[in-house]
């Protein structure tokens, strides 16, 4: 799509507009921007002419946003923030030979990916990495990501999907609760509260069905919207959790969580690496994807 240059605003005009809107005063905006009041007035007038609407109403010694200005202000703030981030990213990359922008699932990123990232940086010290959390699919090209991690089915619009690893969940509890429940497996809700993830409410019911465990109500118990909170609740002794083994490696190694039964369950979903279909041959993204696949292959749960 061809960009209409006549509709692209001058960023200094947007800065003048945002500053004047924040202060509700052109003089104070001029002081902050180190400009004259007439220069700020001229920049805002240029923006108003380009838009074809008045952005301010002049009332006595101050200015207030018009209805059009109120609608425009949030988007201008977001554009200025993104512009600043763009420049900070460019400065941060400096003279490094390559850069990667990666989207990771929040818990997967913090519990599995980031602890291993030092190994990749040791192999490729001249790459600048930016990592952001994303919980659901998005437009990789629009947000300029080189690679993303996805959990679910191998479907992503505009993305090329590569299988990373399946998911296996295991019933775990704090050491004290596990000791109390020893000999009482399978665990029933009457013996210990079941801990649930709100986005996956059938996990315990599926586990009970697969392992032939009869419970009166597999949906009872405490509910949380993040795996990290389910894990924290289990460590605090609040109940038994079904957690992915890949996300509790450190907790199990440290003895903070203990399996209450050798009864794992493989779920129907899996982890995938996703690359933009329009950029499937980027060398550094290739290197990172191969490294990630190697990390999975070298350390099974």
Protein backbone atom coordinates (compact mmCIF):
# COMPACT_ATOMS: atom_id res chain seq x y z
CA UNK A 1 0.00 0.00 0.00
CA UNK A 2 1.42 3.39 -1.04
CA UNK A 3 1.78 5.91 1.78
CA UNK A 4 0.29 9.35 1.17
CA UNK A 5 3.03 11.75 2.16
CA UNK A 6 0.53 14.58 2.58
CA UNK A 7 -1.08 12.65 5.43
CA UNK A 8 2.16 11.87 7.29
CA UNK A 9 2.41 14.38 10.17
CA UNK A 10 5.62 16.11 11.18
CA UNK A 11 6.69 14.56 14.48
CA UNK A 12 7.68 17.95 15.93
CA UNK A 13 4.09 19.10 15.37
CA UNK A 14 2.84 16.04 17.22
CA UNK A 15 5.24 16.75 20.08
CA UNK A 16 3.99 20.32 20.30
CA UNK A 17 0.37 19.12 20.33
CA UNK A 18 1.00 16.51 23.07
CA UNK A 19 2.94 18.95 25.22
CA UNK A 20 0.36 21.74 24.89
CA UNK A 21 -2.45 19.27 25.66
CA UNK A 22 -0.64 18.09 28.79
CA UNK A 23 0.01 21.61 30.10
CA UNK A 24 -3.17 23.19 28.69
CA UNK A 25 -0.93 26.15 27.99
CA UNK A 26 1.13 27.07 24.92
CA UNK A 27 3.68 29.10 26.93
CA UNK A 28 4.50 26.24 29.29
CA UNK A 29 4.70 23.86 26.33
CA UNK A 30 7.16 26.24 24.68
CA UNK A 31 9.32 26.29 27.83
CA UNK A 32 9.46 22.49 27.96
CA UNK A 33 10.28 22.20 24.26
CA UNK A 34 12.77 25.09 24.40
CA UNK A 35 10.84 26.96 21.72
CA UNK A 36 9.04 30.29 21.50
CA UNK A 37 5.29 30.41 22.08
CA UNK A 38 4.77 31.54 18.49
CA UNK A 39 6.72 28.50 17.23
CA UNK A 40 4.49 26.12 19.24
CA UNK A 41 1.38 27.93 18.01
CA UNK A 42 2.61 27.65 14.42
CA UNK A 43 3.34 23.91 14.75
CA UNK A 44 -0.11 23.22 16.17
CA UNK A 45 -1.72 25.38 13.48
CA UNK A 46 0.13 23.36 10.83
CA UNK A 47 -1.23 20.14 12.34
CA UNK A 48 -4.75 21.57 12.48
CA UNK A 49 -4.57 22.57 8.82
CA UNK A 50 -3.35 19.11 7.87
CA UNK A 51 -6.19 17.46 9.78
CA UNK A 52 -8.79 20.03 8.84
CA UNK A 53 -10.09 20.47 12.39
CA UNK A 54 -9.38 22.61 15.43
CA UNK A 55 -7.60 20.64 18.14
CA UNK A 56 -7.89 23.25 20.89
CA UNK A 57 -10.41 25.73 22.21
CA UNK A 58 -8.87 28.94 23.54
CA UNK A 59 -10.40 29.87 26.91
CA UNK A 60 -8.95 32.89 28.75
CA UNK A 61 -5.30 32.14 29.67
CA UNK A 62 -5.38 28.45 28.82
CA UNK A 63 -6.31 26.09 26.05
CA UNK A 64 -8.45 22.97 26.31
CA UNK A 65 -8.74 20.11 23.89
CA UNK A 66 -11.59 20.12 21.44
CA UNK A 67 -13.53 16.92 20.81
CA UNK A 68 -11.24 16.20 17.84
CA UNK A 69 -8.18 16.83 20.00
CA UNK A 70 -9.44 14.46 22.70
CA UNK A 71 -9.85 11.70 20.11
CA UNK A 72 -6.41 12.32 18.63
CA UNK A 73 -4.36 12.66 21.83
CA UNK A 74 -4.16 8.96 22.92
CA UNK A 75 -2.98 7.89 19.46
CA UNK A 76 -0.41 10.69 19.32
CA UNK A 77 0.95 9.65 22.72
CA UNK A 78 1.27 6.05 21.54
CA UNK A 79 2.99 7.13 18.33
CA UNK A 80 5.50 9.26 20.23
CA UNK A 81 6.24 6.44 22.67
CA UNK A 82 6.80 4.00 19.79
CA UNK A 83 9.03 6.50 18.02
CA UNK A 84 11.12 6.92 21.16
CA UNK A 85 11.40 3.14 21.57
CA UNK A 86 12.48 2.84 17.95
CA UNK A 87 15.33 5.29 18.47
CA UNK A 88 16.36 3.74 21.80
CA UNK A 89 16.47 0.33 20.10
CA UNK A 90 18.59 1.70 17.26
CA UNK A 91 21.02 3.33 19.70
CA UNK A 92 21.14 0.19 21.87
CA UNK A 93 22.05 -1.98 18.88
CA UNK A 94 24.94 0.34 18.08
CA UNK A 95 27.51 -1.34 15.88
CA UNK A 96 26.42 -4.91 16.59
CA UNK A 97 26.31 -7.12 13.55
CA UNK A 98 22.77 -8.44 14.03
CA UNK A 99 19.55 -7.93 15.95
CA UNK A 100 16.65 -10.19 16.92
CA UNK A 101 13.20 -9.24 18.12
CA UNK A 102 11.52 -12.19 19.82
CA UNK A 103 8.00 -12.68 21.18
CA UNK A 104 7.71 -15.24 23.98
CA UNK A 105 4.85 -16.58 26.07
CA UNK A 106 5.23 -14.92 29.51
CA UNK A 107 5.77 -18.01 31.68
CA UNK A 108 7.60 -19.98 28.99
CA UNK A 109 9.89 -17.01 28.44
CA UNK A 110 10.72 -16.37 32.10
CA UNK A 111 10.90 -19.99 33.27
CA UNK A 112 12.41 -21.82 30.29
CA UNK A 113 13.85 -19.49 27.66
CA UNK A 114 15.55 -16.70 29.60
CA UNK A 115 17.50 -19.02 31.95
CA UNK A 116 19.06 -20.65 28.87
CA UNK A 117 19.65 -17.44 26.92
CA UNK A 118 23.18 -16.96 28.24
CA UNK A 119 24.31 -19.98 26.25
CA UNK A 120 23.10 -18.41 23.00
CA UNK A 121 24.70 -15.05 23.83
CA UNK A 122 27.99 -16.81 24.57
CA UNK A 123 27.88 -18.31 21.08
CA UNK A 124 26.67 -15.12 19.37
CA UNK A 125 27.94 -12.20 21.49
CA UNK A 126 27.47 -9.65 18.71
CA UNK A 127 23.67 -9.92 18.47
CA UNK A 128 21.27 -7.44 20.10
CA UNK A 129 18.17 -9.18 21.44
CA UNK A 130 14.83 -7.61 22.27
CA UNK A 131 12.30 -9.92 23.91
CA UNK A 132 8.66 -9.06 24.56
CA UNK A 133 5.85 -11.15 26.01
CA UNK A 134 2.83 -12.10 23.93
CA UNK A 135 0.08 -14.51 24.95
CA UNK A 136 -1.75 -14.97 21.66
CA UNK A 137 -1.01 -14.80 17.90
CA UNK A 138 -0.52 -11.40 16.28
CA UNK A 139 0.79 -9.94 13.01
CA UNK A 140 4.53 -10.67 13.03
CA UNK A 141 5.26 -8.28 10.16
CA UNK A 142 3.22 -5.40 11.53
CA UNK A 143 5.04 -5.57 14.88
CA UNK A 144 8.38 -6.40 13.22
CA UNK A 145 9.15 -9.60 15.14
CA UNK A 146 11.72 -12.00 13.73
CA UNK A 147 10.52 -15.00 15.72
CA UNK A 148 7.77 -15.94 18.15
CA UNK A 149 6.93 -18.82 20.47
CA UNK A 150 3.44 -20.24 20.30
CA UNK A 151 1.55 -22.76 22.41
CA UNK A 152 -1.45 -24.53 20.96
CA UNK A 153 -2.07 -25.95 17.52
CA UNK A 154 0.35 -25.41 14.58
CA UNK A 155 -1.64 -22.54 13.11
CA UNK A 156 -0.52 -18.89 12.80
CA UNK A 157 -1.73 -16.55 10.04
CA UNK A 158 1.23 -15.25 8.04
CA UNK A 159 3.67 -17.40 10.01
CA UNK A 160 5.73 -20.50 9.25
CA UNK A 161 5.38 -22.90 12.20
CA UNK A 162 8.02 -25.38 13.41
CA UNK A 163 7.35 -27.94 16.15
CA UNK A 164 9.44 -27.34 19.27
CA UNK A 165 8.20 -29.78 21.89
CA UNK A 166 5.08 -31.39 23.25
CA UNK A 167 3.69 -30.67 26.68
CA UNK A 168 3.49 -33.07 29.58
CA UNK A 169 1.83 -32.08 32.84
CA UNK A 170 2.54 -33.71 36.20
CA UNK A 171 0.66 -33.53 39.53
CA UNK A 172 2.93 -31.73 42.00
CA UNK A 173 2.69 -30.26 45.47
CA UNK A 174 4.87 -28.74 48.16
CA UNK A 175 7.14 -31.25 49.98
CA UNK A 176 5.06 -31.06 53.18
CA UNK A 177 1.77 -31.64 51.39
CA UNK A 178 3.26 -34.39 49.24
CA UNK A 179 4.50 -36.16 52.39
CA UNK A 180 1.05 -35.93 53.95
CA UNK A 181 -0.55 -37.35 50.81
CA UNK A 182 1.93 -40.21 50.44
CA UNK A 183 0.00 -43.44 50.10
CA UNK A 184 -3.20 -41.60 49.24
CA UNK A 185 -2.70 -41.33 45.49
CA UNK A 186 -4.76 -40.81 43.45
CA UNK A 187 -5.50 -37.56 45.27
CA UNK A 188 -9.13 -36.58 45.69
CA UNK A 189 -10.39 -33.02 46.23
CA UNK A 190 -11.43 -34.14 49.72
CA UNK A 191 -7.78 -34.90 50.54
CA UNK A 192 -6.21 -31.79 49.03
CA UNK A 193 -7.50 -28.82 47.07
CA UNK A 194 -7.00 -28.97 43.31
CA UNK A 195 -5.33 -25.93 41.77
CA UNK A 196 -6.62 -24.85 38.35
CA UNK A 197 -5.56 -22.57 35.51
CA UNK A 198 -8.60 -20.55 34.45
CA UNK A 199 -7.74 -20.74 30.75
CA UNK A 200 -7.52 -24.55 30.90
CA UNK A 201 -10.41 -25.52 33.22
CA UNK A 202 -10.66 -29.16 32.03
CA UNK A 203 -7.06 -30.14 32.77
CA UNK A 204 -7.79 -32.00 36.02
CA UNK A 205 -10.91 -33.62 34.57
CA UNK A 206 -8.89 -34.89 31.58
CA UNK A 207 -6.15 -36.18 33.87
CA UNK A 208 -8.66 -38.06 36.02
CA UNK A 209 -10.27 -39.60 32.94
CA UNK A 210 -6.97 -40.71 31.42
CA UNK A 211 -5.72 -42.31 34.63
CA UNK A 212 -9.07 -43.76 35.69
CA UNK A 213 -9.38 -41.62 38.80
CA UNK A 214 -12.95 -41.23 40.04
CA UNK A 215 -13.64 -37.92 41.73
CA UNK A 216 -16.88 -36.31 42.73
CA UNK A 217 -15.90 -32.92 41.29
CA UNK A 218 -12.69 -32.49 39.29
CA UNK A 219 -13.51 -28.81 38.74
CA UNK A 220 -13.47 -27.76 42.40
CA UNK A 221 -10.60 -25.87 43.98
CA UNK A 222 -8.69 -22.63 43.64
CA UNK A 223 -8.36 -20.98 40.22
CA UNK A 224 -5.61 -18.71 38.85
CA UNK A 225 -5.07 -17.08 35.46
CA UNK A 226 -1.28 -17.62 35.24
CA UNK A 227 0.85 -20.77 35.52
CA UNK A 228 3.25 -18.79 37.71
CA UNK A 229 0.49 -18.21 40.27
CA UNK A 230 -0.60 -21.85 40.16
CA UNK A 231 3.02 -22.83 40.83
CA UNK A 232 3.32 -20.34 43.69
CA UNK A 233 0.08 -21.64 45.22
CA UNK A 234 1.38 -25.22 45.03
CA UNK A 235 4.69 -24.21 46.62
CA UNK A 236 2.75 -22.47 49.42
CA UNK A 237 0.97 -25.74 50.19
CA UNK A 238 -2.46 -24.54 49.03
CA UNK A 239 -3.12 -27.68 46.98
CA UNK A 240 -2.03 -29.98 44.19
CA UNK A 241 -1.30 -28.56 40.73
CA UNK A 242 -1.01 -30.06 37.27
CA UNK A 243 1.96 -28.20 35.83
CA UNK A 244 3.99 -28.54 32.61
CA UNK A 245 7.30 -30.20 33.41
CA UNK A 246 9.21 -27.74 31.19
CA UNK A 247 8.04 -24.83 33.34
CA UNK A 248 8.91 -26.23 36.78
CA UNK A 249 12.39 -27.66 36.18
CA UNK A 250 14.08 -25.29 38.65
CA UNK A 251 11.39 -25.78 41.32
CA UNK A 252 11.66 -29.56 41.10
CA UNK A 253 15.46 -29.52 41.14
CA UNK A 254 15.38 -27.25 44.21
CA UNK A 255 12.82 -29.47 45.95
CA UNK A 256 10.21 -26.71 46.09
CA UNK A 257 7.73 -28.90 44.19
CA UNK A 258 7.48 -32.67 44.44
CA UNK A 259 5.55 -35.07 42.18
CA UNK A 260 2.79 -36.75 44.16
CA UNK A 261 2.47 -39.57 41.63
CA UNK A 262 4.30 -40.83 38.56
CA UNK A 263 1.21 -40.17 36.49
CA UNK A 264 2.04 -37.62 33.78
CA UNK A 265 -0.36 -36.62 31.03
CA UNK A 266 0.51 -35.44 27.53
CA UNK A 267 -1.79 -32.62 26.42
CA UNK A 268 -3.15 -32.10 22.92
CA UNK A 269 -1.25 -28.85 22.46
CA UNK A 270 2.46 -28.20 21.91
CA UNK A 271 5.08 -25.45 21.72
CA UNK A 272 6.09 -24.08 18.34
CA UNK A 273 8.59 -21.63 16.90
CA UNK A 274 6.97 -19.22 14.44
CA UNK A 275 8.75 -17.19 11.77
CA UNK A 276 7.23 -14.60 9.40
CA UNK A 277 6.52 -16.20 6.03
CA UNK A 278 7.97 -13.10 4.36
CA UNK A 279 11.31 -13.47 6.22
CA UNK A 280 12.08 -17.17 6.41
CA UNK A 281 15.74 -16.86 5.43
CA UNK A 282 17.13 -14.45 8.03
CA UNK A 283 20.51 -15.86 9.12
CA UNK A 284 20.41 -14.86 12.80
CA UNK A 285 16.81 -16.01 13.21
CA UNK A 286 17.89 -19.34 11.66
CA UNK A 287 20.70 -19.58 14.20
CA UNK A 288 18.39 -18.81 17.12
CA UNK A 289 15.77 -21.33 15.97
CA UNK A 290 18.41 -24.05 15.58
CA UNK A 291 19.80 -23.22 19.03
CA UNK A 292 16.35 -23.47 20.62
CA UNK A 293 15.66 -26.81 18.96
CA UNK A 294 19.03 -28.01 20.25
CA UNK A 295 18.16 -26.91 23.78
CA UNK A 296 15.02 -29.01 23.72
CA UNK A 297 16.85 -31.99 22.30
CA UNK A 298 19.68 -31.82 24.83
CA UNK A 299 17.56 -31.59 27.96
CA UNK A 300 14.40 -33.62 28.12
CA UNK A 301 12.22 -33.23 31.22
